[in-house]
Amino acid sequence: MELTQSYTEKNGTDAVRALRIRKLGKGLPFMINDPELPSNQCYLEYPDGKIILVTLVQHARDFKRLRVLSDNEIHQIRVKYNLPVFHA
């Protein structure tokens, strides 16, 4: 059972990494959910390397930009989630 679960988790992780590359490659932002953030907040990573903290605006079904992360914060997020810098 543990082997199957590990295999499934790896497949899921690989699928998310592939989705990230596809989205960024098309010039679209990639959503990074962090369990340490409130449930209505997430990060949006952009192809230029910028990462923005956003909150979901329920009635508009859109995001409101809270702030752009500093270079140090971006580095910490990349390390935390093992996200290499995107290169088009």
PDB file of N, CA and C in Angstrom:
ATOM      1  N   MET A   1       0.820  -1.201   0.000  1.00  0.00           N
ATOM      2  CA  MET A   1       0.000   0.000   0.000  1.00  0.00           C
ATOM      3  C   MET A   1       0.859   1.258   0.000  1.00  0.00           C
ATOM      4  N   GLU A   2       1.912   1.290   0.815  1.00  0.00           N
ATOM      5  CA  GLU A   2       2.765   2.468   0.878  1.00  0.00           C
ATOM      6  C   GLU A   2       3.445   2.724  -0.459  1.00  0.00           C
ATOM      7  N   LEU A   3       3.867   1.675  -1.146  1.00  0.00           N
ATOM      8  CA  LEU A   3       4.508   1.833  -2.442  1.00  0.00           C
ATOM      9  C   LEU A   3       3.538   2.456  -3.438  1.00  0.00           C
ATOM     10  N   THR A   4       2.313   1.983  -3.444  1.00  0.00           N
ATOM     11  CA  THR A   4       1.292   2.527  -4.343  1.00  0.00           C
ATOM     12  C   THR A   4       1.029   3.988  -4.024  1.00  0.00           C
ATOM     13  N   GLN A   5       0.921   4.324  -2.747  1.00  0.00           N
ATOM     14  CA  GLN A   5       0.669   5.702  -2.357  1.00  0.00           C
ATOM     15  C   GLN A   5       1.834   6.592  -2.775  1.00  0.00           C
ATOM     16  N   SER A   6       3.065   6.164  -2.558  1.00  0.00           N
ATOM     17  CA  SER A   6       4.233   6.946  -2.958  1.00  0.00           C
ATOM     18  C   SER A   6       4.261   7.135  -4.465  1.00  0.00           C
ATOM     19  N   TYR A   7       3.944   6.080  -5.205  1.00  0.00           N
ATOM     20  CA  TYR A   7       3.906   6.149  -6.662  1.00  0.00           C
ATOM     21  C   TYR A   7       2.835   7.135  -7.119  1.00  0.00           C
ATOM     22  N   THR A   8       1.666   7.079  -6.499  1.00  0.00           N
ATOM     23  CA  THR A   8       0.567   7.982  -6.829  1.00  0.00           C
ATOM     24  C   THR A   8       0.934   9.424  -6.502  1.00  0.00           C
ATOM     25  N   GLU A   9       1.538   9.650  -5.345  1.00  0.00           N
ATOM     26  CA  GLU A   9       1.958  11.000  -4.958  1.00  0.00           C
ATOM     27  C   GLU A   9       2.994  11.542  -5.933  1.00  0.00           C
ATOM     28  N   LYS A  10       3.947  10.687  -6.355  1.00  0.00           N
ATOM     29  CA  LYS A  10       4.961  11.123  -7.312  1.00  0.00           C
ATOM     30  C   LYS A  10       4.312  11.486  -8.636  1.00  0.00           C
ATOM     31  N   ASN A  11       3.360  10.670  -9.093  1.00  0.00           N
ATOM     32  CA  ASN A  11       2.657  10.977 -10.343  1.00  0.00           C
ATOM     33  C   ASN A  11       1.914  12.300 -10.233  1.00  0.00           C
ATOM     34  N   GLY A  12       1.281  12.539  -9.083  1.00  0.00           N
ATOM     35  CA  GLY A  12       0.569  13.800  -8.868  1.00  0.00           C
ATOM     36  C   GLY A  12       1.517  14.981  -8.878  1.00  0.00           C
ATOM     37  N   THR A  13       2.638  14.836  -8.200  1.00  0.00           N
ATOM     38  CA  THR A  13       3.646  15.899  -8.168  1.00  0.00           C
ATOM     39  C   THR A  13       4.190  16.163  -9.565  1.00  0.00           C
ATOM     40  N   ASP A  14       4.478  15.109 -10.304  1.00  0.00           N
ATOM     41  CA  ASP A  14       4.981  15.266 -11.675  1.00  0.00           C
ATOM     42  C   ASP A  14       3.954  15.965 -12.558  1.00  0.00           C
ATOM     43  N   ALA A  15       2.682  15.639 -12.379  1.00  0.00           N
ATOM     44  CA  ALA A  15       1.618  16.265 -13.176  1.00  0.00           C
ATOM     45  C   ALA A  15       1.519  17.755 -12.871  1.00  0.00           C
ATOM     46  N   VAL A  16       1.636  18.124 -11.596  1.00  0.00           N
ATOM     47  CA  VAL A  16       1.567  19.538 -11.214  1.00  0.00           C
ATOM     48  C   VAL A  16       2.776  20.283 -11.766  1.00  0.00           C
ATOM     49  N   ARG A  17       3.944  19.675 -11.710  1.00  0.00           N
ATOM     50  CA  ARG A  17       5.148  20.328 -12.263  1.00  0.00           C
ATOM     51  C   ARG A  17       5.009  20.530 -13.771  1.00  0.00           C
ATOM     52  N   ALA A  18       4.452  19.560 -14.470  1.00  0.00           N
ATOM     53  CA  ALA A  18       4.238  19.687 -15.914  1.00  0.00           C
ATOM     54  C   ALA A  18       3.217  20.787 -16.212  1.00  0.00           C
ATOM     55  N   LEU A  19       2.162  20.855 -15.407  1.00  0.00           N
ATOM     56  CA  LEU A  19       1.156  21.904 -15.577  1.00  0.00           C
ATOM     57  C   LEU A  19       1.783  23.277 -15.379  1.00  0.00           C
ATOM     58  N   ARG A  20       2.647  23.403 -14.384  1.00  0.00           N
ATOM     59  CA  ARG A  20       3.337  24.675 -14.120  1.00  0.00           C
ATOM     60  C   ARG A  20       4.119  25.116 -15.350  1.00  0.00           C
ATOM     61  N   ILE A  21       4.895  24.215 -15.925  1.00  0.00           N
ATOM     62  CA  ILE A  21       5.702  24.541 -17.101  1.00  0.00           C
ATOM     63  C   ILE A  21       4.805  24.942 -18.274  1.00  0.00           C
ATOM     64  N   ARG A  22       3.709  24.220 -18.481  1.00  0.00           N
ATOM     65  CA  ARG A  22       2.785  24.551 -19.580  1.00  0.00           C
ATOM     66  C   ARG A  22       2.160  25.927 -19.382  1.00  0.00           C
ATOM     67  N   LYS A  23       1.675  26.209 -18.165  1.00  0.00           N
ATOM     68  CA  LYS A  23       1.029  27.498 -17.902  1.00  0.00           C
ATOM     69  C   LYS A  23       2.025  28.640 -18.077  1.00  0.00           C
ATOM     70  N   LEU A  24       3.195  28.516 -17.451  1.00  0.00           N
ATOM     71  CA  LEU A  24       4.189  29.584 -17.561  1.00  0.00           C
ATOM     72  C   LEU A  24       4.661  29.732 -19.004  1.00  0.00           C
ATOM     73  N   GLY A  25       4.785  28.618 -19.714  1.00  0.00           N
ATOM     74  CA  GLY A  25       5.194  28.645 -21.116  1.00  0.00           C
ATOM     75  C   GLY A  25       4.210  29.359 -22.012  1.00  0.00           C
ATOM     76  N   LYS A  26       2.946  29.386 -21.612  1.00  0.00           N
ATOM     77  CA  LYS A  26       1.912  30.093 -22.376  1.00  0.00           C
ATOM     78  C   LYS A  26       1.751  31.541 -21.911  1.00  0.00           C
ATOM     79  N   GLY A  27       2.612  31.954 -20.975  1.00  0.00           N
ATOM     80  CA  GLY A  27       2.534  33.322 -20.477  1.00  0.00           C
ATOM     81  C   GLY A  27       1.486  33.520 -19.397  1.00  0.00           C
ATOM     82  N   LEU A  28       0.979  32.427 -18.830  1.00  0.00           N
ATOM     83  CA  LEU A  28      -0.071  32.493 -17.818  1.00  0.00           C
ATOM     84  C   LEU A  28       0.516  32.298 -16.421  1.00  0.00           C
ATOM     85  N   PRO A  29      -0.140  32.848 -15.404  1.00  0.00           N
ATOM     86  CA  PRO A  29       0.354  32.634 -14.034  1.00  0.00           C
ATOM     87  C   PRO A  29       0.043  31.224 -13.558  1.00  0.00           C
ATOM     88  N   PHE A  30       0.845  30.757 -12.610  1.00  0.00           N
ATOM     89  CA  PHE A  30       0.658  29.448 -11.987  1.00  0.00           C
ATOM     90  C   PHE A  30       0.331  29.673 -10.514  1.00  0.00           C
ATOM     91  N   MET A  31      -0.735  29.041 -10.037  1.00  0.00           N
ATOM     92  CA  MET A  31      -1.168  29.199  -8.651  1.00  0.00           C
ATOM     93  C   MET A  31      -0.379  28.272  -7.731  1.00  0.00           C
ATOM     94  N   ILE A  32       0.135  28.853  -6.655  1.00  0.00           N
ATOM     95  CA  ILE A  32       0.843  28.093  -5.636  1.00  0.00           C
ATOM     96  C   ILE A  32       0.031  28.189  -4.351  1.00  0.00           C
ATOM     97  N   ASN A  33      -0.543  27.087  -3.938  1.00  0.00           N
ATOM     98  CA  ASN A  33      -1.286  27.051  -2.678  1.00  0.00           C
ATOM     99  C   ASN A  33      -0.322  26.706  -1.555  1.00  0.00           C
ATOM    100  N   ASP A  34      -0.423  27.452  -0.471  1.00  0.00           N
ATOM    101  CA  ASP A  34       0.447  27.252   0.684  1.00  0.00           C
ATOM    102  C   ASP A  34      -0.437  27.066   1.911  1.00  0.00           C
ATOM    103  N   PRO A  35      -0.328  25.923   2.598  1.00  0.00           N
ATOM    104  CA  PRO A  35      -1.183  25.682   3.763  1.00  0.00           C
ATOM    105  C   PRO A  35      -0.954  26.668   4.908  1.00  0.00           C
ATOM    106  N   GLU A  36       0.130  27.422   4.863  1.00  0.00           N
ATOM    107  CA  GLU A  36       0.395  28.407   5.905  1.00  0.00           C
ATOM    108  C   GLU A  36      -0.359  29.715   5.667  1.00  0.00           C
ATOM    109  N   LEU A  37      -0.928  29.881   4.470  1.00  0.00           N
ATOM    110  CA  LEU A  37      -1.711  31.079   4.162  1.00  0.00           C
ATOM    111  C   LEU A  37      -3.168  30.859   4.555  1.00  0.00           C
ATOM    112  N   PRO A  38      -3.915  31.945   4.784  1.00  0.00           N
ATOM    113  CA  PRO A  38      -5.367  31.790   4.969  1.00  0.00           C
ATOM    114  C   PRO A  38      -5.965  31.093   3.746  1.00  0.00           C
ATOM    115  N   SER A  39      -7.097  30.424   3.934  1.00  0.00           N
ATOM    116  CA  SER A  39      -7.666  29.599   2.862  1.00  0.00           C
ATOM    117  C   SER A  39      -8.069  30.392   1.622  1.00  0.00           C
ATOM    118  N   ASN A  40      -8.281  31.687   1.739  1.00  0.00           N
ATOM    119  CA  ASN A  40      -8.667  32.491   0.573  1.00  0.00           C
ATOM    120  C   ASN A  40      -7.474  33.179  -0.095  1.00  0.00           C
ATOM    121  N   GLN A  41      -6.256  32.827   0.323  1.00  0.00           N
ATOM    122  CA  GLN A  41      -5.057  33.433  -0.260  1.00  0.00           C
ATOM    123  C   GLN A  41      -4.182  32.374  -0.915  1.00  0.00           C
ATOM    124  N   CYS A  42      -3.412  32.820  -1.916  1.00  0.00           N
ATOM    125  CA  CYS A  42      -2.436  31.950  -2.573  1.00  0.00           C
ATOM    126  C   CYS A  42      -1.404  32.842  -3.241  1.00  0.00           C
ATOM    127  N   TYR A  43      -0.420  32.219  -3.831  1.00  0.00           N
ATOM    128  CA  TYR A  43       0.573  32.933  -4.606  1.00  0.00           C
ATOM    129  C   TYR A  43       0.309  32.694  -6.085  1.00  0.00           C
ATOM    130  N   LEU A  44       0.571  33.697  -6.903  1.00  0.00           N
ATOM    131  CA  LEU A  44       0.564  33.531  -8.351  1.00  0.00           C
ATOM    132  C   LEU A  44       1.978  33.775  -8.846  1.00  0.00           C
ATOM    133  N   GLU A  45       2.536  32.772  -9.504  1.00  0.00           N
ATOM    134  CA  GLU A  45       3.876  32.878 -10.073  1.00  0.00           C
ATOM    135  C   GLU A  45       3.732  33.234 -11.549  1.00  0.00           C
ATOM    136  N   TYR A  46       4.512  34.188 -12.015  1.00  0.00           N
ATOM    137  CA  TYR A  46       4.456  34.644 -13.399  1.00  0.00           C
ATOM    138  C   TYR A  46       5.714  34.224 -14.156  1.00  0.00           C
ATOM    139  N   PRO A  47       5.615  34.130 -15.474  1.00  0.00           N
ATOM    140  CA  PRO A  47       6.761  33.681 -16.281  1.00  0.00           C
ATOM    141  C   PRO A  47       8.027  34.522 -16.090  1.00  0.00           C
ATOM    142  N   ASP A  48       7.870  35.789 -15.720  1.00  0.00           N
ATOM    143  CA  ASP A  48       9.051  36.644 -15.527  1.00  0.00           C
ATOM    144  C   ASP A  48       9.727  36.409 -14.181  1.00  0.00           C
ATOM    145  N   GLY A  49       9.185  35.465 -13.371  1.00  0.00           N
ATOM    146  CA  GLY A  49       9.789  35.122 -12.089  1.00  0.00           C
ATOM    147  C   GLY A  49       9.137  35.802 -10.901  1.00  0.00           C
ATOM    148  N   LYS A  50       8.304  36.788 -11.160  1.00  0.00           N
ATOM    149  CA  LYS A  50       7.625  37.504 -10.086  1.00  0.00           C
ATOM    150  C   LYS A  50       6.599  36.567  -9.433  1.00  0.00           C
ATOM    151  N   ILE A  51       6.464  36.681  -8.114  1.00  0.00           N
ATOM    152  CA  ILE A  51       5.426  35.951  -7.385  1.00  0.00           C
ATOM    153  C   ILE A  51       4.636  36.972  -6.571  1.00  0.00           C
ATOM    154  N   ILE A  52       3.316  36.894  -6.693  1.00  0.00           N
ATOM    155  CA  ILE A  52       2.429  37.856  -6.051  1.00  0.00           C
ATOM    156  C   ILE A  52       1.517  37.121  -5.074  1.00  0.00           C
ATOM    157  N   LEU A  53       1.323  37.708  -3.909  1.00  0.00           N
ATOM    158  CA  LEU A  53       0.355  37.198  -2.947  1.00  0.00           C
ATOM    159  C   LEU A  53      -1.001  37.788  -3.317  1.00  0.00           C
ATOM    160  N   VAL A  54      -1.993  36.924  -3.467  1.00  0.00           N
ATOM    161  CA  VAL A  54      -3.333  37.371  -3.858  1.00  0.00           C
ATOM    162  C   VAL A  54      -4.380  36.783  -2.926  1.00  0.00           C
ATOM    163  N   THR A  55      -5.554  37.382  -2.964  1.00  0.00           N
ATOM    164  CA  THR A  55      -6.693  36.855  -2.231  1.00  0.00           C
ATOM    165  C   THR A  55      -7.853  36.690  -3.209  1.00  0.00           C
ATOM    166  N   LEU A  56      -8.651  35.685  -2.973  1.00  0.00           N
ATOM    167  CA  LEU A  56      -9.793  35.421  -3.838  1.00  0.00           C
ATOM    168  C   LEU A  56     -10.917  36.391  -3.511  1.00  0.00           C
ATOM    169  N   VAL A  57     -11.452  37.034  -4.550  1.00  0.00           N
ATOM    170  CA  VAL A  57     -12.618  37.899  -4.395  1.00  0.00           C
ATOM    171  C   VAL A  57     -13.819  37.053  -4.818  1.00  0.00           C
ATOM    172  N   GLN A  58     -14.556  36.566  -3.842  1.00  0.00           N
ATOM    173  CA  GLN A  58     -15.630  35.598  -4.084  1.00  0.00           C
ATOM    174  C   GLN A  58     -16.656  36.083  -5.099  1.00  0.00           C
ATOM    175  N   HIS A  59     -17.212  37.264  -4.895  1.00  0.00           N
ATOM    176  CA  HIS A  59     -18.295  37.729  -5.760  1.00  0.00           C
ATOM    177  C   HIS A  59     -17.833  38.015  -7.191  1.00  0.00           C
ATOM    178  N   ALA A  60     -16.562  38.294  -7.371  1.00  0.00           N
ATOM    179  CA  ALA A  60     -16.041  38.592  -8.703  1.00  0.00           C
ATOM    180  C   ALA A  60     -15.402  37.370  -9.356  1.00  0.00           C
ATOM    181  N   ARG A  61     -15.218  36.295  -8.578  1.00  0.00           N
ATOM    182  CA  ARG A  61     -14.509  35.107  -9.055  1.00  0.00           C
ATOM    183  C   ARG A  61     -13.171  35.502  -9.686  1.00  0.00           C
ATOM    184  N   ASP A  62     -12.438  36.325  -8.952  1.00  0.00           N
ATOM    185  CA  ASP A  62     -11.169  36.853  -9.426  1.00  0.00           C
ATOM    186  C   ASP A  62     -10.233  37.000  -8.226  1.00  0.00           C
ATOM    187  N   PHE A  63      -9.005  37.414  -8.501  1.00  0.00           N
ATOM    188  CA  PHE A  63      -8.023  37.623  -7.448  1.00  0.00           C
ATOM    189  C   PHE A  63      -7.756  39.106  -7.250  1.00  0.00           C
ATOM    190  N   LYS A  64      -7.516  39.479  -6.013  1.00  0.00           N
ATOM    191  CA  LYS A  64      -7.081  40.833  -5.686  1.00  0.00           C
ATOM    192  C   LYS A  64      -5.621  40.744  -5.257  1.00  0.00           C
ATOM    193  N   ARG A  65      -4.800  41.549  -5.876  1.00  0.00           N
ATOM    194  CA  ARG A  65      -3.373  41.565  -5.570  1.00  0.00           C
ATOM    195  C   ARG A  65      -3.146  42.212  -4.211  1.00  0.00           C
ATOM    196  N   LEU A  66      -2.463  41.476  -3.330  1.00  0.00           N
ATOM    197  CA  LEU A  66      -2.135  42.018  -2.016  1.00  0.00           C
ATOM    198  C   LEU A  66      -0.750  42.654  -2.010  1.00  0.00           C
ATOM    199  N   ARG A  67       0.221  41.923  -2.569  1.00  0.00           N
ATOM    200  CA  ARG A  67       1.573  42.487  -2.657  1.00  0.00           C
ATOM    201  C   ARG A  67       2.475  41.592  -3.494  1.00  0.00           C
ATOM    202  N   VAL A  68       3.529  42.198  -4.022  1.00  0.00           N
ATOM    203  CA  VAL A  68       4.559  41.465  -4.751  1.00  0.00           C
ATOM    204  C   VAL A  68       5.587  40.998  -3.728  1.00  0.00           C
ATOM    205  N   LEU A  69       5.970  39.741  -3.800  1.00  0.00           N
ATOM    206  CA  LEU A  69       6.964  39.216  -2.868  1.00  0.00           C
ATOM    207  C   LEU A  69       8.346  39.782  -3.180  1.00  0.00           C
ATOM    208  N   SER A  70       9.147  39.917  -2.152  1.00  0.00           N
ATOM    209  CA  SER A  70      10.531  40.359  -2.323  1.00  0.00           C
ATOM    210  C   SER A  70      11.345  39.229  -2.948  1.00  0.00           C
ATOM    211  N   ASP A  71      12.508  39.555  -3.449  1.00  0.00           N
ATOM    212  CA  ASP A  71      13.387  38.527  -4.030  1.00  0.00           C
ATOM    213  C   ASP A  71      13.697  37.440  -3.003  1.00  0.00           C
ATOM    214  N   ASN A  72      13.909  37.836  -1.755  1.00  0.00           N
ATOM    215  CA  ASN A  72      14.203  36.856  -0.701  1.00  0.00           C
ATOM    216  C   ASN A  72      12.998  35.948  -0.451  1.00  0.00           C
ATOM    217  N   GLU A  73      11.801  36.515  -0.414  1.00  0.00           N
ATOM    218  CA  GLU A  73      10.594  35.709  -0.216  1.00  0.00           C
ATOM    219  C   GLU A  73      10.374  34.748  -1.385  1.00  0.00           C
ATOM    220  N   ILE A  74      10.629  35.232  -2.594  1.00  0.00           N
ATOM    221  CA  ILE A  74      10.502  34.378  -3.779  1.00  0.00           C
ATOM    222  C   ILE A  74      11.471  33.207  -3.675  1.00  0.00           C
ATOM    223  N   HIS A  75      12.692  33.488  -3.275  1.00  0.00           N
ATOM    224  CA  HIS A  75      13.691  32.428  -3.111  1.00  0.00           C
ATOM    225  C   HIS A  75      13.208  31.397  -2.088  1.00  0.00           C
ATOM    226  N   GLN A  76      12.649  31.866  -0.981  1.00  0.00           N
ATOM    227  CA  GLN A  76      12.156  30.956   0.063  1.00  0.00           C
ATOM    228  C   GLN A  76      11.028  30.068  -0.463  1.00  0.00           C
ATOM    229  N   ILE A  77      10.129  30.638  -1.252  1.00  0.00           N
ATOM    230  CA  ILE A  77       9.027  29.847  -1.831  1.00  0.00           C
ATOM    231  C   ILE A  77       9.590  28.805  -2.800  1.00  0.00           C
ATOM    232  N   ARG A  78      10.551  29.217  -3.630  1.00  0.00           N
ATOM    233  CA  ARG A  78      11.143  28.276  -4.590  1.00  0.00           C
ATOM    234  C   ARG A  78      11.825  27.115  -3.877  1.00  0.00           C
ATOM    235  N   VAL A  79      12.532  27.406  -2.795  1.00  0.00           N
ATOM    236  CA  VAL A  79      13.201  26.353  -2.022  1.00  0.00           C
ATOM    237  C   VAL A  79      12.160  25.464  -1.345  1.00  0.00           C
ATOM    238  N   LYS A  80      11.169  26.071  -0.712  1.00  0.00           N
ATOM    239  CA  LYS A  80      10.139  25.328   0.017  1.00  0.00           C
ATOM    240  C   LYS A  80       9.429  24.317  -0.873  1.00  0.00           C
ATOM    241  N   TYR A  81       9.129  24.721  -2.112  1.00  0.00           N
ATOM    242  CA  TYR A  81       8.374  23.859  -3.018  1.00  0.00           C
ATOM    243  C   TYR A  81       9.212  23.266  -4.144  1.00  0.00           C
ATOM    244  N   ASN A  82      10.533  23.434  -4.037  1.00  0.00           N
ATOM    245  CA  ASN A  82      11.449  22.885  -5.040  1.00  0.00           C
ATOM    246  C   ASN A  82      11.037  23.316  -6.458  1.00  0.00           C
ATOM    247  N   LEU A  83      10.859  24.634  -6.626  1.00  0.00           N
ATOM    248  CA  LEU A  83      10.445  25.192  -7.910  1.00  0.00           C
ATOM    249  C   LEU A  83      11.631  25.865  -8.582  1.00  0.00           C
ATOM    250  N   PRO A  84      12.119  25.287  -9.655  1.00  0.00           N
ATOM    251  CA  PRO A  84      13.219  25.937 -10.361  1.00  0.00           C
ATOM    252  C   PRO A  84      12.725  27.212 -11.041  1.00  0.00           C
ATOM    253  N   VAL A  85      13.639  28.112 -11.295  1.00  0.00           N
ATOM    254  CA  VAL A  85      13.303  29.324 -12.042  1.00  0.00           C
ATOM    255  C   VAL A  85      12.872  28.911 -13.437  1.00  0.00           C
ATOM    256  N   PHE A  86      11.771  29.483 -13.903  1.00  0.00           N
ATOM    257  CA  PHE A  86      11.251  29.150 -15.222  1.00  0.00           C
ATOM    258  C   PHE A  86      12.067  29.845 -16.300  1.00  0.00           C
ATOM    259  N   HIS A  87      12.422  29.095 -17.344  1.00  0.00           N
ATOM    260  CA  HIS A  87      13.115  29.651 -18.507  1.00  0.00           C
ATOM    261  C   HIS A  87      12.313  29.285 -19.745  1.00  0.00           C
ATOM    262  N   ALA A  88      11.873  30.303 -20.456  1.00  0.00           N
ATOM    263  CA  ALA A  88      11.054  30.055 -21.676  1.00  0.00           C
ATOM    264  C   ALA A  88      11.877  29.418 -22.773  1.00  0.00           C
TER     265      ALA A  88
END
